[in-house]
């Protein structure tokens, strides 16, 4: 587990996921992997990818890792650092799109 988040991970946590309507965990171990963020109620992994993910070896590793996580019924969503840092609102809107609507009688209208 990394002690220091990347600038993109730190921004996403501080300005979006920390106050997300559903509980999100940072640096969560799942199987033999440590995922950047995990929302158990959505079975959603959120990965923030830097340059090491753009090599062929990195791409192959990510594909295998995603396949294994999907085998557990988990959805993996990936963003690159640049997306988080330069299109932050768009990234947050996409993540908010994963939140199911509130059923009537459960705080809805």
N, C-alpha and C. Protein backbone atom coordinates (compact mmCIF):
# COMPACT_ATOMS: atom_id res chain seq x y z
N UNK A 1 0.84 -1.18 0.00
CA UNK A 1 0.00 0.00 0.00
C UNK A 1 0.89 1.25 0.00
N UNK A 2 0.50 2.20 -0.81
CA UNK A 2 1.26 3.44 -0.85
C UNK A 2 0.85 4.35 0.30
N UNK A 3 1.83 4.99 0.88
CA UNK A 3 1.55 5.95 1.95
C UNK A 3 1.13 7.30 1.40
N UNK A 4 1.67 7.66 0.25
CA UNK A 4 1.41 8.98 -0.32
C UNK A 4 0.61 8.86 -1.61
N UNK A 5 -0.61 9.40 -1.62
CA UNK A 5 -1.40 9.36 -2.86
C UNK A 5 -0.79 10.28 -3.92
N UNK A 6 -1.08 9.96 -5.17
CA UNK A 6 -0.67 10.85 -6.25
C UNK A 6 -1.51 12.13 -6.15
N UNK A 7 -1.08 13.22 -6.80
CA UNK A 7 -1.90 14.44 -6.77
C UNK A 7 -3.33 14.20 -7.28
N UNK A 8 -3.49 13.38 -8.31
CA UNK A 8 -4.83 13.11 -8.84
C UNK A 8 -5.66 12.32 -7.83
N UNK A 9 -5.07 11.31 -7.19
CA UNK A 9 -5.81 10.54 -6.18
C UNK A 9 -6.19 11.43 -5.00
N UNK A 10 -5.27 12.27 -4.58
CA UNK A 10 -5.54 13.17 -3.46
C UNK A 10 -6.68 14.12 -3.79
N UNK A 11 -6.67 14.70 -4.99
CA UNK A 11 -7.74 15.62 -5.39
C UNK A 11 -9.08 14.91 -5.44
N UNK A 12 -9.11 13.72 -6.07
CA UNK A 12 -10.37 13.00 -6.18
C UNK A 12 -10.91 12.65 -4.79
N UNK A 13 -10.04 12.24 -3.89
CA UNK A 13 -10.48 11.90 -2.53
C UNK A 13 -10.97 13.15 -1.80
N UNK A 14 -10.14 14.17 -1.75
CA UNK A 14 -10.45 15.36 -0.96
C UNK A 14 -11.69 16.11 -1.46
N UNK A 15 -11.82 16.18 -2.78
CA UNK A 15 -12.85 17.06 -3.34
C UNK A 15 -14.08 16.32 -3.90
N UNK A 16 -14.10 14.99 -3.81
CA UNK A 16 -15.25 14.25 -4.36
C UNK A 16 -15.59 13.03 -3.50
N UNK A 17 -14.70 12.08 -3.42
CA UNK A 17 -15.04 10.78 -2.83
C UNK A 17 -15.15 10.79 -1.31
N UNK A 18 -14.45 11.68 -0.66
CA UNK A 18 -14.52 11.74 0.81
C UNK A 18 -15.94 12.05 1.27
N UNK A 19 -16.66 12.84 0.49
CA UNK A 19 -18.04 13.21 0.83
C UNK A 19 -19.06 12.58 -0.12
N UNK A 20 -18.66 11.53 -0.80
CA UNK A 20 -19.54 10.81 -1.72
C UNK A 20 -20.75 10.29 -0.93
N UNK A 21 -21.94 10.25 -1.52
CA UNK A 21 -23.12 9.80 -0.78
C UNK A 21 -23.02 8.35 -0.27
N UNK A 22 -22.18 7.55 -0.89
CA UNK A 22 -21.97 6.17 -0.45
C UNK A 22 -20.54 6.05 0.06
N UNK A 23 -20.32 5.15 1.01
CA UNK A 23 -18.99 5.00 1.60
C UNK A 23 -17.97 4.50 0.58
N UNK A 24 -16.85 5.20 0.51
CA UNK A 24 -15.76 4.83 -0.38
C UNK A 24 -14.50 4.65 0.48
N UNK A 25 -13.80 3.56 0.24
CA UNK A 25 -12.56 3.28 0.96
C UNK A 25 -11.36 3.54 0.06
N UNK A 26 -10.27 4.01 0.65
CA UNK A 26 -9.03 4.24 -0.10
C UNK A 26 -8.09 3.06 0.11
N UNK A 27 -7.29 2.78 -0.93
CA UNK A 27 -6.24 1.76 -0.84
C UNK A 27 -6.79 0.47 -0.22
N UNK A 28 -7.82 -0.06 -0.83
CA UNK A 28 -8.53 -1.24 -0.31
C UNK A 28 -7.94 -2.52 -0.89
N UNK A 29 -7.55 -3.48 -0.04
CA UNK A 29 -7.10 -4.77 -0.57
C UNK A 29 -8.29 -5.61 -1.03
N UNK A 30 -8.19 -6.14 -2.23
CA UNK A 30 -9.16 -7.09 -2.77
C UNK A 30 -8.35 -8.18 -3.44
N UNK A 31 -8.50 -9.41 -2.97
CA UNK A 31 -7.70 -10.54 -3.45
C UNK A 31 -6.23 -10.17 -3.24
N UNK A 32 -5.41 -10.30 -4.25
CA UNK A 32 -3.99 -9.96 -4.13
C UNK A 32 -3.68 -8.55 -4.61
N UNK A 33 -4.69 -7.72 -4.75
CA UNK A 33 -4.54 -6.39 -5.29
C UNK A 33 -4.87 -5.33 -4.24
N UNK A 34 -4.32 -4.16 -4.43
CA UNK A 34 -4.72 -2.98 -3.66
C UNK A 34 -5.31 -2.02 -4.68
N UNK A 35 -6.59 -1.72 -4.53
CA UNK A 35 -7.25 -0.82 -5.47
C UNK A 35 -7.19 0.60 -4.91
N UNK A 36 -7.23 1.58 -5.80
CA UNK A 36 -7.15 2.98 -5.36
C UNK A 36 -8.34 3.34 -4.47
N UNK A 37 -9.55 3.07 -4.96
CA UNK A 37 -10.78 3.37 -4.21
C UNK A 37 -11.78 2.24 -4.44
N UNK A 38 -12.59 1.97 -3.40
CA UNK A 38 -13.59 0.92 -3.53
C UNK A 38 -14.87 1.33 -2.82
N UNK A 39 -15.99 1.22 -3.53
CA UNK A 39 -17.32 1.46 -2.97
C UNK A 39 -18.02 0.11 -2.92
N UNK A 40 -18.09 -0.48 -1.72
CA UNK A 40 -18.65 -1.83 -1.57
C UNK A 40 -20.12 -1.88 -1.94
N UNK A 41 -20.90 -0.85 -1.60
CA UNK A 41 -22.33 -0.90 -1.88
C UNK A 41 -22.62 -0.92 -3.38
N UNK A 42 -21.70 -0.37 -4.18
CA UNK A 42 -21.85 -0.40 -5.64
C UNK A 42 -21.02 -1.50 -6.28
N UNK A 43 -20.17 -2.17 -5.47
CA UNK A 43 -19.19 -3.13 -5.99
C UNK A 43 -18.41 -2.48 -7.14
N UNK A 44 -17.89 -1.27 -6.83
CA UNK A 44 -17.22 -0.43 -7.81
C UNK A 44 -15.80 -0.10 -7.36
N UNK A 45 -14.84 -0.44 -8.20
CA UNK A 45 -13.45 -0.05 -8.00
C UNK A 45 -13.18 1.16 -8.88
N UNK A 46 -12.53 2.16 -8.31
CA UNK A 46 -12.15 3.36 -9.06
C UNK A 46 -10.63 3.42 -9.07
N UNK A 47 -10.07 3.36 -10.26
CA UNK A 47 -8.63 3.38 -10.43
C UNK A 47 -8.21 4.67 -11.11
N UNK A 48 -7.13 5.25 -10.63
CA UNK A 48 -6.56 6.45 -11.22
C UNK A 48 -5.19 6.05 -11.77
N UNK A 49 -5.07 6.09 -13.09
CA UNK A 49 -3.88 5.55 -13.76
C UNK A 49 -2.90 6.64 -14.16
N UNK A 50 -1.64 6.40 -13.82
CA UNK A 50 -0.55 7.26 -14.24
C UNK A 50 0.19 6.65 -15.41
N UNK A 51 1.37 7.18 -15.69
CA UNK A 51 2.13 6.79 -16.87
C UNK A 51 2.49 5.31 -16.92
N UNK A 52 2.73 4.68 -15.78
CA UNK A 52 3.14 3.27 -15.80
C UNK A 52 2.06 2.38 -16.39
N UNK A 53 0.84 2.84 -16.43
CA UNK A 53 -0.27 2.05 -16.98
C UNK A 53 -0.34 2.12 -18.50
N UNK A 54 0.45 2.99 -19.10
CA UNK A 54 0.39 3.18 -20.55
C UNK A 54 1.38 2.32 -21.31
N UNK A 55 2.28 1.62 -20.61
CA UNK A 55 3.20 0.71 -21.28
C UNK A 55 2.44 -0.57 -21.63
N UNK A 56 2.97 -1.36 -22.54
CA UNK A 56 2.31 -2.61 -22.89
C UNK A 56 2.20 -3.53 -21.68
N UNK A 57 3.27 -3.58 -20.90
CA UNK A 57 3.26 -4.41 -19.69
C UNK A 57 2.19 -3.91 -18.71
N UNK A 58 2.10 -2.59 -18.55
CA UNK A 58 1.08 -2.02 -17.67
C UNK A 58 -0.32 -2.29 -18.16
N UNK A 59 -0.54 -2.18 -19.46
CA UNK A 59 -1.86 -2.45 -20.03
C UNK A 59 -2.24 -3.93 -19.83
N UNK A 60 -1.29 -4.82 -20.06
CA UNK A 60 -1.56 -6.25 -19.89
C UNK A 60 -1.91 -6.57 -18.43
N UNK A 61 -1.16 -5.99 -17.51
CA UNK A 61 -1.41 -6.21 -16.09
C UNK A 61 -2.80 -5.69 -15.71
N UNK A 62 -3.13 -4.48 -16.16
CA UNK A 62 -4.44 -3.90 -15.85
C UNK A 62 -5.58 -4.74 -16.41
N UNK A 63 -5.42 -5.25 -17.63
CA UNK A 63 -6.46 -6.09 -18.23
C UNK A 63 -6.68 -7.35 -17.41
N UNK A 64 -5.61 -8.00 -17.01
CA UNK A 64 -5.71 -9.22 -16.20
C UNK A 64 -6.33 -8.92 -14.84
N UNK A 65 -5.88 -7.87 -14.23
CA UNK A 65 -6.40 -7.45 -12.92
C UNK A 65 -7.90 -7.15 -13.01
N UNK A 66 -8.30 -6.42 -14.03
CA UNK A 66 -9.72 -6.09 -14.23
C UNK A 66 -10.53 -7.36 -14.44
N UNK A 67 -10.02 -8.29 -15.23
CA UNK A 67 -10.72 -9.55 -15.48
C UNK A 67 -10.94 -10.31 -14.16
N UNK A 68 -9.93 -10.36 -13.33
CA UNK A 68 -10.06 -11.06 -12.04
C UNK A 68 -11.07 -10.36 -11.15
N UNK A 69 -10.99 -9.04 -11.04
CA UNK A 69 -11.94 -8.30 -10.20
C UNK A 69 -13.37 -8.44 -10.72
N UNK A 70 -13.54 -8.40 -12.04
CA UNK A 70 -14.86 -8.60 -12.61
C UNK A 70 -15.40 -9.99 -12.32
N UNK A 71 -14.51 -10.96 -12.16
CA UNK A 71 -14.92 -12.31 -11.78
C UNK A 71 -15.57 -12.35 -10.41
N UNK A 72 -15.29 -11.37 -9.57
CA UNK A 72 -15.93 -11.24 -8.25
C UNK A 72 -17.20 -10.40 -8.32
N UNK A 73 -17.59 -10.01 -9.52
CA UNK A 73 -18.78 -9.18 -9.68
C UNK A 73 -18.52 -7.70 -9.44
N UNK A 74 -17.28 -7.31 -9.49
CA UNK A 74 -16.88 -5.92 -9.26
C UNK A 74 -16.70 -5.23 -10.60
N UNK A 75 -17.18 -4.00 -10.69
CA UNK A 75 -16.97 -3.18 -11.88
C UNK A 75 -15.74 -2.30 -11.63
N UNK A 76 -14.89 -2.19 -12.62
CA UNK A 76 -13.69 -1.36 -12.52
C UNK A 76 -13.86 -0.16 -13.45
N UNK A 77 -13.73 1.03 -12.89
CA UNK A 77 -13.77 2.27 -13.65
C UNK A 77 -12.39 2.89 -13.57
N UNK A 78 -11.85 3.27 -14.73
CA UNK A 78 -10.51 3.85 -14.77
C UNK A 78 -10.54 5.27 -15.31
N UNK A 79 -9.75 6.10 -14.68
CA UNK A 79 -9.51 7.46 -15.14
C UNK A 79 -8.00 7.65 -15.18
N UNK A 80 -7.53 8.50 -16.07
CA UNK A 80 -6.11 8.81 -16.07
C UNK A 80 -5.91 10.09 -15.27
N UNK A 81 -4.70 10.25 -14.77
CA UNK A 81 -4.38 11.43 -13.95
C UNK A 81 -4.83 12.72 -14.60
N UNK A 82 -4.56 12.86 -15.90
CA UNK A 82 -4.91 14.09 -16.61
C UNK A 82 -6.41 14.35 -16.55
N UNK A 83 -7.23 13.29 -16.68
CA UNK A 83 -8.69 13.46 -16.59
C UNK A 83 -9.07 14.07 -15.24
N UNK A 84 -8.53 13.52 -14.18
CA UNK A 84 -8.87 14.00 -12.84
C UNK A 84 -8.42 15.44 -12.65
N UNK A 85 -7.23 15.75 -13.12
CA UNK A 85 -6.67 17.09 -12.88
C UNK A 85 -7.22 18.15 -13.82
N UNK A 86 -7.62 17.76 -15.04
CA UNK A 86 -8.06 18.76 -16.01
C UNK A 86 -9.54 18.71 -16.34
N UNK A 87 -10.22 17.62 -16.00
CA UNK A 87 -11.66 17.49 -16.24
C UNK A 87 -12.33 16.95 -14.98
N UNK A 88 -11.99 17.59 -13.86
CA UNK A 88 -12.43 17.09 -12.57
C UNK A 88 -13.94 16.99 -12.45
N UNK A 89 -14.65 18.02 -12.88
CA UNK A 89 -16.12 18.01 -12.77
C UNK A 89 -16.72 16.88 -13.58
N UNK A 90 -16.16 16.61 -14.76
CA UNK A 90 -16.64 15.51 -15.59
C UNK A 90 -16.43 14.16 -14.94
N UNK A 91 -15.28 13.99 -14.30
CA UNK A 91 -14.99 12.73 -13.59
C UNK A 91 -15.98 12.56 -12.44
N UNK A 92 -16.21 13.60 -11.68
CA UNK A 92 -17.15 13.52 -10.55
C UNK A 92 -18.58 13.22 -11.04
N UNK A 93 -18.99 13.87 -12.15
CA UNK A 93 -20.33 13.59 -12.69
C UNK A 93 -20.45 12.13 -13.12
N UNK A 94 -19.39 11.60 -13.74
CA UNK A 94 -19.44 10.20 -14.15
C UNK A 94 -19.56 9.28 -12.94
N UNK A 95 -18.83 9.57 -11.88
CA UNK A 95 -18.92 8.75 -10.67
C UNK A 95 -20.29 8.88 -10.01
N UNK A 96 -20.83 10.08 -9.99
CA UNK A 96 -22.17 10.28 -9.42
C UNK A 96 -23.23 9.53 -10.21
N UNK A 97 -22.97 9.30 -11.50
CA UNK A 97 -23.89 8.53 -12.33
C UNK A 97 -24.03 7.08 -11.89
N UNK A 98 -23.10 6.60 -11.10
CA UNK A 98 -23.17 5.22 -10.59
C UNK A 98 -24.11 5.09 -9.40
N UNK A 99 -24.49 6.22 -8.80
CA UNK A 99 -25.35 6.18 -7.61
C UNK A 99 -26.78 5.91 -8.07
N UNK A 100 -27.39 4.86 -7.53
CA UNK A 100 -28.77 4.58 -7.93
C UNK A 100 -29.72 5.64 -7.39
N UNK A 101 -30.83 5.86 -8.08
CA UNK A 101 -31.81 6.84 -7.58
C UNK A 101 -32.35 6.39 -6.23
N UNK A 102 -32.69 7.37 -5.41
CA UNK A 102 -33.27 7.08 -4.11
C UNK A 102 -34.71 6.63 -4.28
N UNK A 103 -35.06 5.46 -3.75
CA UNK A 103 -36.46 5.01 -3.89
C UNK A 103 -37.42 5.92 -3.11
N UNK A 104 -38.65 6.00 -3.59
CA UNK A 104 -39.67 6.77 -2.90
C UNK A 104 -39.83 6.24 -1.49
N UNK A 105 -39.98 7.14 -0.56
CA UNK A 105 -40.16 6.73 0.82
C UNK A 105 -38.83 6.54 1.55
N UNK A 106 -37.70 6.66 0.84
CA UNK A 106 -36.38 6.50 1.45
C UNK A 106 -35.61 7.81 1.33
N UNK A 107 -36.29 8.92 1.51
CA UNK A 107 -35.63 10.21 1.37
C UNK A 107 -35.91 10.86 0.03
N UNK A 108 -36.60 10.17 -0.86
CA UNK A 108 -36.94 10.74 -2.16
C UNK A 108 -38.27 11.46 -2.09
N UNK A 109 -38.70 12.01 -3.18
CA UNK A 109 -39.96 12.76 -3.21
C UNK A 109 -41.03 11.97 -3.90
